[in-house]
Amino acid sequence: MPLYKNDWDKAKQNLLAFWKGEDIGRPCMLVYAPREGCNIVFPELHNGPWTWGTESLEDAEDIKQWWVDPLQNYQRMVYWFENTYFGGEAVPATYTNWGASAAAAFFGSEPKFNKTSVWYSEVISDWEQWQWQFDKDSNEWWQAIYEIIDYLNKRAEGKYFVGMPEFGNAMDNLSLMRGMDKLALDCMEEPEAIQAGIAFMDKYWCELHEELFNLTKETNDGGGVLPWMGLWAPGRIDQLACDFSTILSPTMFKEVCVPDIEQMGAWTEYGMYHLDGPACMHNHLDSLLEIECIKAIEFTPGAGSPPTLSPEYIPLYKKVLESGKKLYLLAEPEEVQPLCEALPSTGLMLCTRADSQRQADEMIENTYNWSKK
């Protein structure tokens, strides 16, 4: 039982029921709150301390070390765990967080470390001159990410879980390495170059995930963790995604992106698709529901879009659940009750926050009554 999750046995049973499609009388709830007697409230509690503590850093090397040094990663993760209450089915999980497309660094895009994020610059100017290459034994950035995961894993000692880094899917990595505007044209003019890139990156995506899964499996109670969602599964789990698809038609999405999703999904047993924004939801949901390796869909409205509770989404949420796939929603605290009342509880997972440990527990208890309505 993890030190920072004293009700793990109960939470695990509820998570197993979620993946099996069984009813627990309410949605699965991931509720993050300040732990009773804590010393700090993190700005975005469910994301952990990813940008906390960088304010005073000015030297570029110090900023880089903040991201790459295993000890610094471990120290701030523990500080976050000690001050955070993981309510309901939320789990204390950490990982190497270098943004959503860290594998771009493996394949030639030098990471740019700053106080709030890690970014990856364009490197592919000419497909005829570009050569795909990767050697995990000598690649500086894979070695750095692995060292952090290994360090966190060795010091877990039953206190917390260790999840997968966000390597990114091939198309989103390509949109950084090539540039989104150029890649959009390439979808029509250079389809063979794109498919070659997808095949190369997805091969290593699967190999590296398998290596890290085996490394952390015992720490993770025999399963896997998708850490930015705080989500545990009893087997291989990771995020499937293609944010680049927001600019693609449904036809082009099927031709270009679905093969990428299926190649990544072949590794997973519990593939969770990150659906980013209303455009992707409206244009590509039907295609996603046909992909077998996708077991659940997480929807993020995105900045400037109608919020999670917006009426335009409710029929689409129901469509996901009626298809037999699970649904994961990021919800504001005031959205939890109406979402419970509007949607079936079986197969539904809500991630939210509370102002205190007591409020988190009360919210979870109330979901039993809200779900009955």
Protein backbone atom coordinates (compact mmCIF):
# COMPACT_ATOMS: atom_id res chain seq x y z
CA MET A 1 0.00 0.00 0.00
CA PRO A 2 1.59 3.33 -1.05
CA LEU A 3 2.58 5.57 1.86
CA TYR A 4 0.76 8.52 0.31
CA LYS A 5 -2.40 6.51 -0.49
CA ASN A 6 -3.58 4.67 2.63
CA ASP A 7 -6.84 3.57 0.96
CA TRP A 8 -5.12 2.04 -2.07
CA ASP A 9 -6.72 -1.39 -1.63
CA LYS A 10 -10.22 0.12 -1.97
CA ALA A 11 -9.18 2.43 -4.79
CA LYS A 12 -7.60 -0.47 -6.66
CA GLN A 13 -10.79 -2.48 -6.52
CA ASN A 14 -12.75 0.47 -7.89
CA LEU A 15 -10.23 0.96 -10.68
CA LEU A 16 -10.40 -2.71 -11.61
CA ALA A 17 -14.19 -2.37 -11.75
CA PHE A 18 -13.84 0.73 -13.94
CA TRP A 19 -11.71 -1.10 -16.49
CA LYS A 20 -14.06 -4.09 -16.44
CA GLY A 21 -17.09 -1.86 -17.01
CA GLU A 22 -18.64 -2.68 -13.65
CA ASP A 23 -20.82 -0.34 -11.62
CA ILE A 24 -19.48 0.98 -8.28
CA GLY A 25 -22.49 3.22 -7.63
CA ARG A 26 -20.74 6.40 -8.74
CA PRO A 27 -18.13 7.50 -11.26
CA CYS A 28 -14.52 6.83 -10.44
CA MET A 29 -13.32 10.04 -8.79
CA LEU A 30 -9.83 11.52 -8.83
CA VAL A 31 -9.92 14.39 -6.36
CA TYR A 32 -6.78 16.33 -5.48
CA ALA A 33 -6.69 18.54 -2.40
CA PRO A 34 -4.20 20.02 0.05
CA ARG A 35 -3.37 17.37 2.61
CA GLU A 36 -4.54 18.17 6.14
CA GLY A 37 -1.82 20.24 7.80
CA CYS A 38 0.06 20.77 4.53
CA ASN A 39 2.58 23.54 4.00
CA ILE A 40 1.78 24.56 0.43
CA VAL A 41 -0.98 24.57 -2.16
CA PHE A 42 0.34 23.95 -5.66
CA PRO A 43 -1.12 26.20 -8.36
CA GLU A 44 -2.36 23.29 -10.48
CA LEU A 45 -2.67 20.58 -7.91
CA HIS A 46 -3.38 17.56 -10.12
CA ASN A 47 -0.35 18.34 -12.33
CA GLY A 48 2.14 18.23 -9.50
CA PRO A 49 5.00 20.69 -8.98
CA TRP A 50 6.10 20.96 -12.59
CA THR A 51 6.68 24.69 -12.60
CA TRP A 52 6.89 25.27 -8.87
CA GLY A 53 10.23 26.56 -7.63
CA THR A 54 11.67 27.94 -10.87
CA GLU A 55 10.86 31.60 -10.17
CA SER A 56 14.27 32.41 -8.70
CA LEU A 57 16.28 30.61 -11.38
CA GLU A 58 18.04 32.82 -13.93
CA ASP A 59 21.06 30.86 -15.16
CA ALA A 60 20.29 28.64 -18.16
CA GLU A 61 22.30 25.74 -16.76
CA ASP A 62 20.43 25.93 -13.43
CA ILE A 63 17.11 25.85 -15.29
CA LYS A 64 18.26 22.83 -17.31
CA GLN A 65 19.36 21.02 -14.15
CA TRP A 66 15.96 21.69 -12.59
CA TRP A 67 14.49 19.52 -15.36
CA VAL A 68 17.21 16.87 -15.82
CA ASP A 69 18.73 16.27 -12.38
CA PRO A 70 17.28 13.07 -10.83
CA LEU A 71 17.74 14.25 -7.23
CA GLN A 72 15.93 17.54 -7.85
CA ASN A 73 13.08 15.69 -9.54
CA TYR A 74 12.84 13.30 -6.59
CA GLN A 75 12.93 16.02 -3.94
CA ARG A 76 10.13 18.10 -5.41
CA MET A 77 8.01 15.03 -6.13
CA VAL A 78 8.24 13.93 -2.50
CA TYR A 79 7.41 17.45 -1.34
CA TRP A 80 4.32 17.36 -3.57
CA PHE A 81 3.27 13.94 -2.26
CA GLU A 82 3.69 15.02 1.36
CA ASN A 83 1.43 18.02 0.84
CA THR A 84 -1.24 16.51 -1.43
CA TYR A 85 -4.29 14.40 -0.65
CA PHE A 86 -5.13 11.86 -3.35
CA GLY A 87 -8.85 11.35 -2.92
CA GLY A 88 -10.98 8.60 -4.39
CA GLU A 89 -9.15 6.70 -7.10
CA ALA A 90 -6.37 9.30 -7.58
CA VAL A 91 -2.92 7.82 -7.13
CA PRO A 92 0.39 9.40 -6.07
CA ALA A 93 2.35 9.04 -9.29
CA THR A 94 5.41 10.76 -10.72
CA TYR A 95 7.43 10.63 -13.92
CA THR A 96 9.84 12.57 -16.11
CA ASN A 97 7.78 15.46 -17.41
CA TRP A 98 9.48 17.18 -20.34
CA GLY A 99 6.25 18.16 -22.03
CA ALA A 100 4.02 16.11 -24.30
CA SER A 101 6.59 15.29 -27.02
CA ALA A 102 9.80 14.36 -25.25
CA ALA A 103 10.76 11.76 -27.87
CA ALA A 104 11.34 14.56 -30.37
CA ALA A 105 14.63 15.01 -28.50
CA PHE A 106 15.58 11.38 -29.17
CA PHE A 107 15.29 11.87 -32.92
CA GLY A 108 17.22 15.10 -33.38
CA SER A 109 15.31 18.07 -31.95
CA GLU A 110 17.39 19.68 -29.21
CA PRO A 111 15.21 20.35 -26.14
CA LYS A 112 14.92 23.95 -24.99
CA PHE A 113 14.51 24.13 -21.21
CA ASN A 114 12.89 27.20 -19.68
CA LYS A 115 11.12 28.09 -16.45
CA THR A 116 7.67 26.83 -17.45
CA SER A 117 8.16 24.20 -20.15
CA VAL A 118 10.42 22.21 -22.43
CA TRP A 119 10.17 22.95 -26.14
CA TYR A 120 11.50 21.27 -29.28
CA SER A 121 12.58 23.16 -32.40
CA GLU A 122 12.24 22.43 -36.11
CA VAL A 123 15.02 20.28 -37.54
CA ILE A 124 13.59 18.73 -40.73
CA SER A 125 14.01 21.17 -43.63
CA ASP A 126 14.33 18.70 -46.51
CA TRP A 127 12.94 15.16 -46.49
CA GLU A 128 15.46 14.00 -49.10
CA GLN A 129 18.34 15.02 -46.84
CA TRP A 130 16.78 13.81 -43.59
CA GLN A 131 17.91 10.50 -42.09
CA TRP A 132 16.16 8.85 -39.16
CA GLN A 133 18.54 7.55 -36.49
CA PHE A 134 18.43 6.67 -32.82
CA ASP A 135 20.77 4.73 -30.53
CA LYS A 136 19.37 4.44 -27.04
CA ASP A 137 22.79 3.52 -25.59
CA SER A 138 24.34 6.80 -26.68
CA ASN A 139 21.41 9.19 -26.95
CA GLU A 140 21.87 11.90 -24.31
CA TRP A 141 18.20 12.69 -23.85
CA TRP A 142 16.89 9.14 -23.60
CA GLN A 143 19.63 8.42 -21.07
CA ALA A 144 18.66 11.51 -19.05
CA ILE A 145 14.97 10.56 -18.97
CA TYR A 146 15.79 6.95 -18.11
CA GLU A 147 18.08 8.03 -15.26
CA ILE A 148 15.30 10.10 -13.70
CA ILE A 149 12.76 7.27 -13.96
CA ASP A 150 15.28 4.77 -12.59
CA TYR A 151 16.15 7.09 -9.69
CA LEU A 152 12.48 7.69 -8.81
CA ASN A 153 11.75 3.98 -9.12
CA LYS A 154 14.60 2.86 -6.86
CA ARG A 155 13.51 5.28 -4.14
CA ALA A 156 9.79 4.58 -4.35
CA GLU A 157 9.95 1.78 -1.76
CA GLY A 158 6.19 1.37 -1.74
CA LYS A 159 5.52 5.08 -1.16
CA TYR A 160 4.31 6.13 -4.63
CA PHE A 161 3.95 4.98 -8.24
CA VAL A 162 6.22 5.78 -11.18
CA GLY A 163 4.62 6.32 -14.57
CA MET A 164 5.65 6.74 -18.19
CA PRO A 165 7.13 9.93 -19.64
CA GLU A 166 5.09 11.58 -22.36
CA PHE A 167 7.06 10.61 -25.44
CA GLY A 168 4.40 11.99 -27.76
CA ASN A 169 2.85 10.38 -30.79
CA ALA A 170 4.68 10.44 -34.10
CA MET A 171 2.48 13.04 -35.80
CA ASP A 172 2.69 15.53 -32.93
CA ASN A 173 6.44 15.01 -32.73
CA LEU A 174 6.68 15.60 -36.47
CA SER A 175 4.65 18.80 -36.17
CA LEU A 176 7.41 20.15 -33.93
CA MET A 177 10.35 18.72 -35.85
CA ARG A 178 9.02 19.74 -39.26
CA GLY A 179 6.70 22.65 -38.41
CA MET A 180 2.92 22.38 -38.38
CA ASP A 181 2.34 24.31 -41.60
CA LYS A 182 4.90 22.30 -43.54
CA LEU A 183 3.65 19.00 -42.13
CA ALA A 184 0.10 19.87 -43.17
CA LEU A 185 1.28 20.20 -46.79
CA ASP A 186 3.38 17.05 -46.44
CA CYS A 187 0.24 15.07 -45.64
CA MET A 188 -0.77 15.65 -49.26
CA GLU A 189 2.61 15.97 -50.98
CA GLU A 190 4.97 13.69 -48.99
CA PRO A 191 2.83 10.84 -47.61
CA GLU A 192 5.62 8.26 -47.96
CA ALA A 193 8.06 10.41 -45.94
CA ILE A 194 5.46 10.82 -43.20
CA GLN A 195 4.68 7.11 -43.04
CA ALA A 196 8.40 6.28 -42.85
CA GLY A 197 8.74 8.68 -39.93
CA ILE A 198 5.72 7.21 -38.17
CA ALA A 199 7.04 3.67 -38.57
CA PHE A 200 10.49 4.63 -37.24
CA MET A 201 9.25 6.57 -34.21
CA ASP A 202 6.50 4.13 -33.27
CA LYS A 203 8.94 1.21 -33.31
CA TYR A 204 11.00 2.89 -30.60
CA TRP A 205 7.91 4.22 -28.82
CA CYS A 206 6.87 0.61 -28.23
CA GLU A 207 10.37 -0.67 -27.37
CA LEU A 208 11.10 2.11 -24.88
CA HIS A 209 7.69 1.83 -23.25
CA GLU A 210 8.19 -1.89 -22.77
CA GLU A 211 11.57 -1.27 -21.13
CA LEU A 212 10.12 1.28 -18.71
CA PHE A 213 7.03 -0.81 -18.01
CA ASN A 214 9.20 -3.75 -16.97
CA LEU A 215 11.40 -1.45 -14.89
CA THR A 216 8.47 0.00 -12.90
CA LYS A 217 5.95 -2.86 -12.92
CA GLU A 218 6.72 -4.05 -9.39
CA THR A 219 6.62 -0.50 -8.05
CA ASN A 220 3.22 -0.03 -9.68
CA ASP A 221 1.57 -3.04 -8.03
CA GLY A 222 1.93 -5.16 -11.14
CA GLY A 223 0.34 -2.62 -13.46
CA GLY A 224 1.06 0.66 -15.17
CA VAL A 225 0.36 4.32 -14.56
CA LEU A 226 -0.55 7.21 -16.84
CA PRO A 227 0.84 9.82 -14.46
CA TRP A 228 -0.44 13.16 -15.73
CA MET A 229 -3.95 11.73 -15.45
CA GLY A 230 -3.19 10.09 -12.11
CA LEU A 231 -4.57 6.86 -13.53
CA TRP A 232 -3.57 3.28 -12.71
CA ALA A 233 -4.38 0.18 -14.77
CA PRO A 234 -3.60 -3.50 -14.17
CA GLY A 235 -1.41 -3.70 -17.28
CA ARG A 236 0.22 -1.66 -20.02
CA ILE A 237 -1.35 1.77 -20.15
CA ASP A 238 -0.35 4.96 -21.88
CA GLN A 239 -1.72 7.96 -23.70
CA LEU A 240 -2.62 7.68 -27.36
CA ALA A 241 -3.15 11.03 -29.05
CA CYS A 242 -2.82 13.24 -32.10
CA ASP A 243 -3.35 16.91 -31.31
CA PHE A 244 -2.14 17.74 -34.82
CA SER A 245 -5.39 16.24 -36.11
CA THR A 246 -7.27 19.41 -35.15
CA ILE A 247 -6.34 20.83 -38.58
CA LEU A 248 -7.14 17.65 -40.53
CA SER A 249 -10.35 16.52 -42.20
CA PRO A 250 -11.89 13.23 -41.05
CA THR A 251 -10.67 11.57 -44.26
CA MET A 252 -7.10 12.77 -43.86
CA PHE A 253 -7.17 11.81 -40.18
CA LYS A 254 -8.02 8.23 -41.10
CA GLU A 255 -5.32 8.09 -43.77
CA VAL A 256 -2.47 9.70 -41.85
CA CYS A 257 -3.11 9.58 -38.10
CA VAL A 258 -5.01 6.35 -37.47
CA PRO A 259 -2.03 4.14 -38.50
CA ASP A 260 0.11 6.03 -35.94
CA ILE A 261 -2.53 5.53 -33.24
CA GLU A 262 -2.88 1.84 -34.04
CA GLN A 263 0.87 1.21 -33.98
CA MET A 264 1.19 2.81 -30.55
CA GLY A 265 -2.01 1.18 -29.35
CA ALA A 266 -0.74 -2.27 -30.25
CA TRP A 267 1.59 -2.01 -27.24
CA THR A 268 -1.10 -0.94 -24.79
CA GLU A 269 -3.63 -3.10 -23.01
CA TYR A 270 -5.45 -0.04 -21.66
CA GLY A 271 -5.04 2.61 -24.32
CA MET A 272 -6.31 6.02 -23.18
CA TYR A 273 -6.90 8.47 -26.03
CA HIS A 274 -6.30 12.15 -25.27
CA LEU A 275 -8.89 14.05 -27.34
CA ASP A 276 -7.82 17.68 -27.47
CA GLY A 277 -10.45 20.33 -28.17
CA PRO A 278 -13.94 20.55 -29.71
CA ALA A 279 -12.68 20.36 -33.32
CA CYS A 280 -11.08 16.97 -32.71
CA MET A 281 -14.16 15.83 -30.80
CA HIS A 282 -16.60 16.77 -33.56
CA ASN A 283 -14.44 15.73 -36.52
CA HIS A 284 -12.80 12.52 -35.33
CA LEU A 285 -14.82 10.93 -32.54
CA ASP A 286 -16.58 8.46 -34.86
CA SER A 287 -13.23 7.25 -36.22
CA LEU A 288 -11.79 6.90 -32.73
CA LEU A 289 -14.71 4.81 -31.52
CA GLU A 290 -13.89 2.30 -34.26
CA ILE A 291 -10.29 1.78 -33.09
CA GLU A 292 -10.14 -1.36 -30.96
CA CYS A 293 -6.96 -0.53 -29.03
CA ILE A 294 -8.59 2.60 -27.59
CA LYS A 295 -10.23 1.47 -24.36
CA ALA A 296 -11.00 4.93 -22.97
CA ILE A 297 -11.18 8.54 -24.14
CA GLU A 298 -10.08 11.60 -22.18
CA PHE A 299 -11.46 14.91 -23.38
CA THR A 300 -9.78 18.28 -22.77
CA PRO A 301 -11.81 21.27 -24.02
CA GLY A 302 -8.74 23.51 -24.18
CA ALA A 303 -8.29 27.22 -23.56
CA GLY A 304 -10.93 29.43 -25.13
CA SER A 305 -13.37 26.55 -25.72
CA PRO A 306 -16.67 25.84 -23.95
CA PRO A 307 -16.00 24.13 -20.60
CA THR A 308 -16.35 20.43 -19.83
CA LEU A 309 -20.01 20.80 -18.77
CA SER A 310 -21.08 22.59 -21.97
CA PRO A 311 -24.38 21.13 -23.31
CA GLU A 312 -22.85 20.61 -26.76
CA TYR A 313 -20.58 17.89 -25.34
CA ILE A 314 -23.11 15.87 -23.34
CA PRO A 315 -24.52 13.86 -26.31
CA LEU A 316 -20.93 13.10 -27.38
CA TYR A 317 -19.99 11.93 -23.87
CA LYS A 318 -22.99 9.60 -23.94
CA LYS A 319 -21.94 8.34 -27.35
CA VAL A 320 -18.53 7.39 -25.98
CA LEU A 321 -20.04 5.51 -23.04
CA GLU A 322 -22.68 3.80 -25.18
CA SER A 323 -19.92 2.53 -27.47
CA GLY A 324 -18.46 0.56 -24.56
CA LYS A 325 -15.39 2.74 -24.19
CA LYS A 326 -14.61 4.52 -20.91
CA LEU A 327 -14.71 8.30 -20.51
CA TYR A 328 -12.30 10.48 -18.50
CA LEU A 329 -13.17 14.15 -17.94
CA LEU A 330 -11.29 17.00 -16.30
CA ALA A 331 -13.97 18.81 -14.32
CA GLU A 332 -14.18 21.93 -12.20
CA PRO A 333 -15.60 21.21 -8.71
CA GLU A 334 -18.92 22.88 -9.58
CA GLU A 335 -19.26 20.68 -12.67
CA VAL A 336 -19.12 17.36 -10.79
CA GLN A 337 -22.73 17.19 -9.62
CA PRO A 338 -24.36 18.07 -12.97
CA LEU A 339 -22.04 15.67 -14.80
CA CYS A 340 -22.99 12.89 -12.37
CA GLU A 341 -26.67 13.65 -12.96
CA ALA A 342 -26.33 13.86 -16.75
CA LEU A 343 -24.19 10.79 -17.46
CA PRO A 344 -24.16 7.08 -16.57
CA SER A 345 -21.71 6.39 -13.78
CA THR A 346 -20.41 3.10 -15.16
CA GLY A 347 -17.28 3.69 -17.21
CA LEU A 348 -17.10 7.36 -16.20
CA MET A 349 -14.10 8.94 -14.46
CA LEU A 350 -13.99 12.54 -13.24
CA CYS A 351 -10.78 14.33 -12.26
CA THR A 352 -11.20 17.43 -10.12
CA ARG A 353 -9.91 19.25 -7.05
CA ALA A 354 -11.12 20.40 -3.64
CA ASP A 355 -10.01 23.08 -1.19
CA SER A 356 -9.40 20.62 1.63
CA GLN A 357 -9.13 16.92 2.40
CA ARG A 358 -12.51 17.05 4.15
CA GLN A 359 -14.19 18.66 1.14
CA ALA A 360 -12.67 16.04 -1.15
CA ASP A 361 -14.11 13.20 0.92
CA GLU A 362 -17.51 14.90 1.11
CA MET A 363 -17.61 15.39 -2.65
CA ILE A 364 -16.82 11.74 -3.28
CA GLU A 365 -19.51 10.61 -0.83
CA ASN A 366 -22.05 12.93 -2.45
CA THR A 367 -21.45 11.41 -5.89
CA TYR A 368 -23.31 8.27 -4.79
CA ASN A 369 -26.51 10.32 -4.40
CA TRP A 370 -25.91 12.54 -7.42
CA SER A 371 -25.42 9.49 -9.63
CA LYS A 372 -28.76 8.01 -8.56
CA LYS A 373 -30.57 11.01 -10.03
